[in-house]
Amino acid sequence: MRLLLVEDNRELADWLSKTLRQASYVVDVVHDGEDVEHALAAGDHALIILDLALPRMGGMEVLKRLRARGNPVPVIVLTANASLDGRVKGLNEGADDYLAKPFQIEELEARIRVQLRRANDRTAPVIACGDLVFDTNTRLFSLSGATLSLTPREHAVLEQLVVKAGRTVSKAALSAAIYDFETDADPSAIEIYVHRLRKKLEGSRVQIATLRGLGYLLRHDDPAP
């Protein structure tokens, strides 16, 4: 999943982005409110982590404009001032969750997982497609009970496909979801990652089908009676 982190404290932003990337998230970082719209236009973000005390445009104004445009992306607000009035105002403006600074990274990651499950209409932390299982808590894939070894890009592609299992995902959507701002997006490389994933899924009941001109579809075969 691709996340957008909006945080003006560069030391905190650097630490937080590195930690989330280690958890197999793709993370873009901007440091002021006015850059948020450009960031959202440049990528397909599944969730925003938003500081409120931002230069040029405050986080509350960012949130207000985001919701005024009808953008439903989940937003977790990070703030050093988590007063009751502030939380109520933020929630009324469209925030999905609040977390006060300082915070434990484990709690932030748990809140991210909850919001991503809600955004995808899921309540259980485990997503299964045939004998392929993705545990959103551990961020690990397993195939027939064995942990599946994946590179970060393979993980990002397979996560997009399993979250939308049974639905077509375009090559452009996969590209937008797995490349951050610091990487030159190469849509043709998606074919390479899909090829590698198919090799790793060989012998299982899970297949990545190519729908020519449309994209890719993760599906599974029913077990033989």
C-alpha atoms as a PDB file:
ATOM      1  CA  MET A   1       0.000   0.000   0.000  1.00  0.00           C
ATOM      2  CA  ARG A   2       1.175   3.523  -0.822  1.00  0.00           C
ATOM      3  CA  LEU A   3       0.961   6.036   2.006  1.00  0.00           C
ATOM      4  CA  LEU A   4       1.378   9.810   2.058  1.00  0.00           C
ATOM      5  CA  LEU A   5       3.138  11.230   5.114  1.00  0.00           C
ATOM      6  CA  VAL A   6       2.686  14.980   5.662  1.00  0.00           C
ATOM      7  CA  GLU A   7       5.091  16.069   8.401  1.00  0.00           C
ATOM      8  CA  ASP A   8       7.214  19.219   8.660  1.00  0.00           C
ATOM      9  CA  ASN A   9       9.605  17.782  11.254  1.00  0.00           C
ATOM     10  CA  ARG A  10      12.133  16.320   8.833  1.00  0.00           C
ATOM     11  CA  GLU A  11      13.886  14.147  11.415  1.00  0.00           C
ATOM     12  CA  LEU A  12      10.582  12.585  12.468  1.00  0.00           C
ATOM     13  CA  ALA A  13       9.435  12.245   8.857  1.00  0.00           C
ATOM     14  CA  ASP A  14      12.670  10.507   7.896  1.00  0.00           C
ATOM     15  CA  TRP A  15      12.478   8.048  10.790  1.00  0.00           C
ATOM     16  CA  LEU A  16       8.791   7.354  10.302  1.00  0.00           C
ATOM     17  CA  SER A  17       9.029   6.844   6.546  1.00  0.00           C
ATOM     18  CA  LYS A  18      11.957   4.434   6.920  1.00  0.00           C
ATOM     19  CA  THR A  19      10.117   2.461   9.603  1.00  0.00           C
ATOM     20  CA  LEU A  20       6.957   2.164   7.506  1.00  0.00           C
ATOM     21  CA  ARG A  21       8.946   1.134   4.440  1.00  0.00           C
ATOM     22  CA  GLN A  22      10.499  -1.641   6.497  1.00  0.00           C
ATOM     23  CA  ALA A  23       6.921  -2.809   7.118  1.00  0.00           C
ATOM     24  CA  SER A  24       6.475  -3.119   3.315  1.00  0.00           C
ATOM     25  CA  TYR A  25       4.571   0.121   2.772  1.00  0.00           C
ATOM     26  CA  VAL A  26       5.422   2.494  -0.065  1.00  0.00           C
ATOM     27  CA  VAL A  27       5.761   5.938   1.520  1.00  0.00           C
ATOM     28  CA  ASP A  28       5.797   9.420  -0.031  1.00  0.00           C
ATOM     29  CA  VAL A  29       6.769  12.368   2.177  1.00  0.00           C
ATOM     30  CA  VAL A  30       5.889  16.056   1.896  1.00  0.00           C
ATOM     31  CA  HIS A  31       6.729  18.713   4.453  1.00  0.00           C
ATOM     32  CA  ASP A  32       4.058  21.390   4.037  1.00  0.00           C
ATOM     33  CA  GLY A  33       0.333  21.592   3.403  1.00  0.00           C
ATOM     34  CA  GLU A  34       0.476  23.205  -0.019  1.00  0.00           C
ATOM     35  CA  ASP A  35       2.325  20.220  -1.467  1.00  0.00           C
ATOM     36  CA  VAL A  36      -0.405  17.748  -0.517  1.00  0.00           C
ATOM     37  CA  GLU A  37      -2.597  18.341  -3.573  1.00  0.00           C
ATOM     38  CA  HIS A  38       0.358  17.879  -5.929  1.00  0.00           C
ATOM     39  CA  ALA A  39       1.324  14.695  -4.096  1.00  0.00           C
ATOM     40  CA  LEU A  40      -2.169  13.240  -4.316  1.00  0.00           C
ATOM     41  CA  ALA A  41      -2.348  14.039  -8.029  1.00  0.00           C
ATOM     42  CA  ALA A  42       0.943  12.221  -8.608  1.00  0.00           C
ATOM     43  CA  GLY A  43       0.117   8.951  -6.846  1.00  0.00           C
ATOM     44  CA  ASP A  44      -2.602   6.542  -5.780  1.00  0.00           C
ATOM     45  CA  HIS A  45      -2.396   6.789  -1.986  1.00  0.00           C
ATOM     46  CA  ALA A  46      -4.349   4.421   0.227  1.00  0.00           C
ATOM     47  CA  LEU A  47      -3.986   6.546   3.374  1.00  0.00           C
ATOM     48  CA  ILE A  48      -2.666   9.912   4.582  1.00  0.00           C
ATOM     49  CA  ILE A  49      -0.782  10.501   7.832  1.00  0.00           C
ATOM     50  CA  LEU A  50      -1.269  14.207   8.486  1.00  0.00           C
ATOM     51  CA  ASP A  51       0.441  16.528  10.926  1.00  0.00           C
ATOM     52  CA  LEU A  52      -1.591  19.626  11.828  1.00  0.00           C
ATOM     53  CA  ALA A  53       1.191  22.157  12.494  1.00  0.00           C
ATOM     54  CA  LEU A  54       2.370  22.618   8.901  1.00  0.00           C
ATOM     55  CA  PRO A  55       3.959  25.593   7.124  1.00  0.00           C
ATOM     56  CA  ARG A  56       2.155  27.472   4.307  1.00  0.00           C
ATOM     57  CA  MET A  57      -1.125  25.595   4.884  1.00  0.00           C
ATOM     58  CA  GLY A  58      -2.157  24.028   8.178  1.00  0.00           C
ATOM     59  CA  GLY A  59      -3.223  20.429   8.414  1.00  0.00           C
ATOM     60  CA  MET A  60      -6.810  21.305   9.335  1.00  0.00           C
ATOM     61  CA  GLU A  61      -7.166  23.366   6.150  1.00  0.00           C
ATOM     62  CA  VAL A  62      -5.621  20.522   4.145  1.00  0.00           C
ATOM     63  CA  LEU A  63      -8.191  18.150   5.603  1.00  0.00           C
ATOM     64  CA  LYS A  64     -11.068  20.542   4.989  1.00  0.00           C
ATOM     65  CA  ARG A  65     -10.127  21.008   1.322  1.00  0.00           C
ATOM     66  CA  LEU A  66      -9.592  17.298   0.856  1.00  0.00           C
ATOM     67  CA  ARG A  67     -13.092  16.463   2.040  1.00  0.00           C
ATOM     68  CA  ALA A  68     -14.642  19.414   0.171  1.00  0.00           C
ATOM     69  CA  ARG A  69     -13.384  17.801  -3.049  1.00  0.00           C
ATOM     70  CA  GLY A  70     -15.052  14.552  -2.058  1.00  0.00           C
ATOM     71  CA  ASN A  71     -11.784  12.642  -1.604  1.00  0.00           C
ATOM     72  CA  PRO A  72     -12.547   9.724   0.777  1.00  0.00           C
ATOM     73  CA  VAL A  73      -8.935   8.654   1.427  1.00  0.00           C
ATOM     74  CA  PRO A  74      -8.496   7.685   5.106  1.00  0.00           C
ATOM     75  CA  VAL A  75      -6.648  10.308   7.171  1.00  0.00           C
ATOM     76  CA  ILE A  76      -4.841   9.699  10.451  1.00  0.00           C
ATOM     77  CA  VAL A  77      -4.012  12.972  12.178  1.00  0.00           C
ATOM     78  CA  LEU A  78      -0.779  13.291  14.175  1.00  0.00           C
ATOM     79  CA  THR A  79      -0.660  16.214  16.548  1.00  0.00           C
ATOM     80  CA  ALA A  80       1.154  17.437  19.633  1.00  0.00           C
ATOM     81  CA  ASN A  81      -2.062  19.148  20.722  1.00  0.00           C
ATOM     82  CA  ALA A  82      -4.661  16.437  21.160  1.00  0.00           C
ATOM     83  CA  SER A  83      -7.154  18.452  23.209  1.00  0.00           C
ATOM     84  CA  LEU A  84     -10.789  17.373  23.196  1.00  0.00           C
ATOM     85  CA  ASP A  85     -11.845  20.444  21.225  1.00  0.00           C
ATOM     86  CA  GLY A  86      -9.107  19.824  18.665  1.00  0.00           C
ATOM     87  CA  ARG A  87     -10.028  16.165  18.234  1.00  0.00           C
ATOM     88  CA  VAL A  88     -13.720  16.986  17.842  1.00  0.00           C
ATOM     89  CA  LYS A  89     -12.951  19.670  15.255  1.00  0.00           C
ATOM     90  CA  GLY A  90     -10.667  17.365  13.305  1.00  0.00           C
ATOM     91  CA  LEU A  91     -13.162  14.515  13.307  1.00  0.00           C
ATOM     92  CA  ASN A  92     -15.917  16.895  12.226  1.00  0.00           C
ATOM     93  CA  GLU A  93     -13.727  18.059   9.336  1.00  0.00           C
ATOM     94  CA  GLY A  94     -13.316  14.470   8.178  1.00  0.00           C
ATOM     95  CA  ALA A  95     -10.369  12.914  10.005  1.00  0.00           C
ATOM     96  CA  ASP A  96     -10.705   9.153  10.457  1.00  0.00           C
ATOM     97  CA  ASP A  97      -8.414   8.822  13.456  1.00  0.00           C
ATOM     98  CA  TYR A  98      -6.245  10.861  15.835  1.00  0.00           C
ATOM     99  CA  LEU A  99      -2.912  10.030  17.421  1.00  0.00           C
ATOM    100  CA  ALA A 100      -1.136  12.324  19.879  1.00  0.00           C
ATOM    101  CA  LYS A 101       2.615  12.934  19.767  1.00  0.00           C
ATOM    102  CA  PRO A 102       4.723  11.378  21.106  1.00  0.00           C
ATOM    103  CA  PHE A 103       3.414   7.980  20.037  1.00  0.00           C
ATOM    104  CA  GLN A 104       4.585   4.395  19.750  1.00  0.00           C
ATOM    105  CA  ILE A 105       5.148   3.186  16.193  1.00  0.00           C
ATOM    106  CA  GLU A 106       3.324  -0.060  16.988  1.00  0.00           C
ATOM    107  CA  GLU A 107       0.148   1.884  17.749  1.00  0.00           C
ATOM    108  CA  LEU A 108       0.408   3.934  14.564  1.00  0.00           C
ATOM    109  CA  GLU A 109       0.907   0.791  12.481  1.00  0.00           C
ATOM    110  CA  ALA A 110      -2.117  -0.819  14.144  1.00  0.00           C
ATOM    111  CA  ARG A 111      -4.242   2.249  13.389  1.00  0.00           C
ATOM    112  CA  ILE A 112      -3.042   2.220   9.770  1.00  0.00           C
ATOM    113  CA  ARG A 113      -4.076  -1.417   9.407  1.00  0.00           C
ATOM    114  CA  VAL A 114      -7.526  -0.705  10.852  1.00  0.00           C
ATOM    115  CA  GLN A 115      -8.131   2.192   8.459  1.00  0.00           C
ATOM    116  CA  LEU A 116      -6.934   0.209   5.439  1.00  0.00           C
ATOM    117  CA  ARG A 117      -9.238  -2.682   6.348  1.00  0.00           C
ATOM    118  CA  ARG A 118     -12.171  -0.307   6.670  1.00  0.00           C
ATOM    119  CA  ALA A 119     -11.352   1.352   3.352  1.00  0.00           C
ATOM    120  CA  ASN A 120     -11.449  -2.056   1.676  1.00  0.00           C
ATOM    121  CA  ASP A 121     -14.640  -3.151   3.457  1.00  0.00           C
ATOM    122  CA  ARG A 122     -12.831  -5.778   5.505  1.00  0.00           C
ATOM    123  CA  THR A 123     -12.992  -6.528   9.208  1.00  0.00           C
ATOM    124  CA  ALA A 124     -10.738  -9.602   9.493  1.00  0.00           C
ATOM    125  CA  PRO A 125      -6.976  -9.009   9.444  1.00  0.00           C
ATOM    126  CA  VAL A 126      -6.378 -12.011   7.157  1.00  0.00           C
ATOM    127  CA  ILE A 127      -7.105 -12.004   3.424  1.00  0.00           C
ATOM    128  CA  ALA A 128      -7.192 -15.362   1.667  1.00  0.00           C
ATOM    129  CA  CYS A 129      -7.332 -16.239  -2.014  1.00  0.00           C
ATOM    130  CA  GLY A 130      -7.199 -19.993  -2.448  1.00  0.00           C
ATOM    131  CA  ASP A 131      -4.098 -21.217  -0.625  1.00  0.00           C
ATOM    132  CA  LEU A 132      -2.538 -17.734  -0.659  1.00  0.00           C
ATOM    133  CA  VAL A 133      -2.946 -15.868   2.637  1.00  0.00           C
ATOM    134  CA  PHE A 134      -1.987 -12.291   3.476  1.00  0.00           C
ATOM    135  CA  ASP A 135      -1.871 -11.358   7.158  1.00  0.00           C
ATOM    136  CA  THR A 136      -2.297  -7.574   7.339  1.00  0.00           C
ATOM    137  CA  ASN A 137      -1.020  -7.547  10.936  1.00  0.00           C
ATOM    138  CA  THR A 138       2.340  -9.173  10.206  1.00  0.00           C
ATOM    139  CA  ARG A 139       2.409  -7.903   6.583  1.00  0.00           C
ATOM    140  CA  LEU A 140       3.461 -11.414   5.509  1.00  0.00           C
ATOM    141  CA  PHE A 141       2.219 -13.658   2.710  1.00  0.00           C
ATOM    142  CA  SER A 142       2.031 -17.415   3.036  1.00  0.00           C
ATOM    143  CA  LEU A 143       1.318 -20.049   0.409  1.00  0.00           C
ATOM    144  CA  SER A 144      -0.007 -23.434   1.501  1.00  0.00           C
ATOM    145  CA  GLY A 145       1.078 -22.571   5.038  1.00  0.00           C
ATOM    146  CA  ALA A 146       4.674 -21.615   4.157  1.00  0.00           C
ATOM    147  CA  THR A 147       5.939 -18.032   4.263  1.00  0.00           C
ATOM    148  CA  LEU A 148       6.301 -16.626   0.764  1.00  0.00           C
ATOM    149  CA  SER A 149       9.608 -14.842   0.169  1.00  0.00           C
ATOM    150  CA  LEU A 150       9.075 -11.652  -1.829  1.00  0.00           C
ATOM    151  CA  THR A 151      11.080  -8.593  -2.794  1.00  0.00           C
ATOM    152  CA  PRO A 152       9.568  -5.243  -1.727  1.00  0.00           C
ATOM    153  CA  ARG A 153       8.206  -4.565  -5.230  1.00  0.00           C
ATOM    154  CA  GLU A 154       6.818  -8.089  -5.586  1.00  0.00           C
ATOM    155  CA  HIS A 155       5.158  -7.658  -2.203  1.00  0.00           C
ATOM    156  CA  ALA A 156       3.625  -4.331  -3.261  1.00  0.00           C
ATOM    157  CA  VAL A 157       2.217  -5.774  -6.500  1.00  0.00           C
ATOM    158  CA  LEU A 158       0.841  -8.907  -4.854  1.00  0.00           C
ATOM    159  CA  GLU A 159      -0.724  -6.870  -2.036  1.00  0.00           C
ATOM    160  CA  GLN A 160      -2.610  -4.742  -4.560  1.00  0.00           C
ATOM    161  CA  LEU A 161      -3.817  -7.847  -6.338  1.00  0.00           C
ATOM    162  CA  VAL A 162      -4.877  -9.784  -3.231  1.00  0.00           C
ATOM    163  CA  VAL A 163      -6.721  -6.825  -1.700  1.00  0.00           C
ATOM    164  CA  LYS A 164      -8.670  -6.583  -4.956  1.00  0.00           C
ATOM    165  CA  ALA A 165      -8.835 -10.326  -5.647  1.00  0.00           C
ATOM    166  CA  GLY A 166     -11.484 -11.135  -8.231  1.00  0.00           C
ATOM    167  CA  ARG A 167     -11.304  -7.632  -9.687  1.00  0.00           C
ATOM    168  CA  THR A 168      -9.182  -6.331 -12.532  1.00  0.00           C
ATOM    169  CA  VAL A 169      -6.269  -4.078 -11.575  1.00  0.00           C
ATOM    170  CA  SER A 170      -4.776  -2.037 -14.397  1.00  0.00           C
ATOM    171  CA  LYS A 171      -1.052  -1.833 -15.009  1.00  0.00           C
ATOM    172  CA  ALA A 172      -1.262   1.924 -14.447  1.00  0.00           C
ATOM    173  CA  ALA A 173      -2.956   1.409 -11.069  1.00  0.00           C
ATOM    174  CA  LEU A 174      -0.271  -1.060  -9.995  1.00  0.00           C
ATOM    175  CA  SER A 175       2.445   1.340 -11.084  1.00  0.00           C
ATOM    176  CA  ALA A 176       0.853   4.260  -9.215  1.00  0.00           C
ATOM    177  CA  ALA A 177       0.547   2.150  -6.078  1.00  0.00           C
ATOM    178  CA  ILE A 178       4.109   0.835  -5.868  1.00  0.00           C
ATOM    179  CA  TYR A 179       6.396   3.674  -6.989  1.00  0.00           C
ATOM    180  CA  ASP A 180       7.161   6.544  -4.638  1.00  0.00           C
ATOM    181  CA  PHE A 181       8.194  10.048  -5.653  1.00  0.00           C
ATOM    182  CA  GLU A 182      11.885   9.189  -5.514  1.00  0.00           C
ATOM    183  CA  THR A 183      11.579   6.399  -8.082  1.00  0.00           C
ATOM    184  CA  ASP A 184      11.144   6.813 -11.817  1.00  0.00           C
ATOM    185  CA  ALA A 185       7.956   4.862 -12.508  1.00  0.00           C
ATOM    186  CA  ASP A 186       8.359   2.228 -15.204  1.00  0.00           C
ATOM    187  CA  PRO A 187       4.973   0.680 -16.046  1.00  0.00           C
ATOM    188  CA  SER A 188       6.661  -1.944 -18.228  1.00  0.00           C
ATOM    189  CA  ALA A 189       8.477  -3.274 -15.139  1.00  0.00           C
ATOM    190  CA  ILE A 190       5.109  -4.406 -13.770  1.00  0.00           C
ATOM    191  CA  GLU A 191       5.227  -7.242 -16.317  1.00  0.00           C
ATOM    192  CA  ILE A 192       8.530  -8.383 -14.822  1.00  0.00           C
ATOM    193  CA  TYR A 193       7.141  -8.399 -11.267  1.00  0.00           C
ATOM    194  CA  VAL A 194       4.025 -10.265 -12.376  1.00  0.00           C
ATOM    195  CA  HIS A 195       6.190 -12.838 -14.173  1.00  0.00           C
ATOM    196  CA  ARG A 196       8.254 -13.381 -11.024  1.00  0.00           C
ATOM    197  CA  LEU A 197       5.117 -13.718  -8.907  1.00  0.00           C
ATOM    198  CA  ARG A 198       3.663 -16.282 -11.284  1.00  0.00           C
ATOM    199  CA  LYS A 199       6.818 -18.368 -10.884  1.00  0.00           C
ATOM    200  CA  LYS A 200       6.498 -18.192  -7.096  1.00  0.00           C
ATOM    201  CA  LEU A 201       2.822 -19.164  -7.253  1.00  0.00           C
ATOM    202  CA  GLU A 202       3.426 -22.179  -9.501  1.00  0.00           C
ATOM    203  CA  GLY A 203       1.881 -25.358  -8.159  1.00  0.00           C
ATOM    204  CA  SER A 204      -0.693 -23.479  -6.089  1.00  0.00           C
ATOM    205  CA  ARG A 205      -4.378 -22.863  -6.705  1.00  0.00           C
ATOM    206  CA  VAL A 206      -3.740 -19.168  -7.261  1.00  0.00           C
ATOM    207  CA  GLN A 207      -3.232 -17.572 -10.642  1.00  0.00           C
ATOM    208  CA  ILE A 208      -2.540 -14.074 -11.949  1.00  0.00           C
ATOM    209  CA  ALA A 209      -4.530 -13.770 -15.150  1.00  0.00           C
ATOM    210  CA  THR A 210      -3.728 -11.185 -17.814  1.00  0.00           C
ATOM    211  CA  LEU A 211      -6.742  -9.435 -19.304  1.00  0.00           C
ATOM    212  CA  ARG A 212      -5.316  -7.931 -22.460  1.00  0.00           C
ATOM    213  CA  GLY A 213      -5.747  -4.176 -22.570  1.00  0.00           C
ATOM    214  CA  LEU A 214      -7.284  -4.131 -19.081  1.00  0.00           C
ATOM    215  CA  GLY A 215      -4.759  -5.376 -16.555  1.00  0.00           C
ATOM    216  CA  TYR A 216      -4.338  -8.283 -14.152  1.00  0.00           C
ATOM    217  CA  LEU A 217      -6.697 -10.396 -12.076  1.00  0.00           C
ATOM    218  CA  LEU A 218      -5.830 -12.568  -9.067  1.00  0.00           C
ATOM    219  CA  ARG A 219      -8.043 -15.634  -8.902  1.00  0.00           C
ATOM    220  CA  HIS A 220      -8.010 -19.137  -7.503  1.00  0.00           C
ATOM    221  CA  ASP A 221      -9.235 -22.545  -8.600  1.00  0.00           C
ATOM    222  CA  ASP A 222     -11.641 -24.455  -6.421  1.00  0.00           C
ATOM    223  CA  PRO A 223     -10.102 -27.608  -4.900  1.00  0.00           C
ATOM    224  CA  ALA A 224     -10.957 -30.881  -6.579  1.00  0.00           C
ATOM    225  CA  PRO A 225     -13.831 -32.742  -4.873  1.00  0.00           C
END
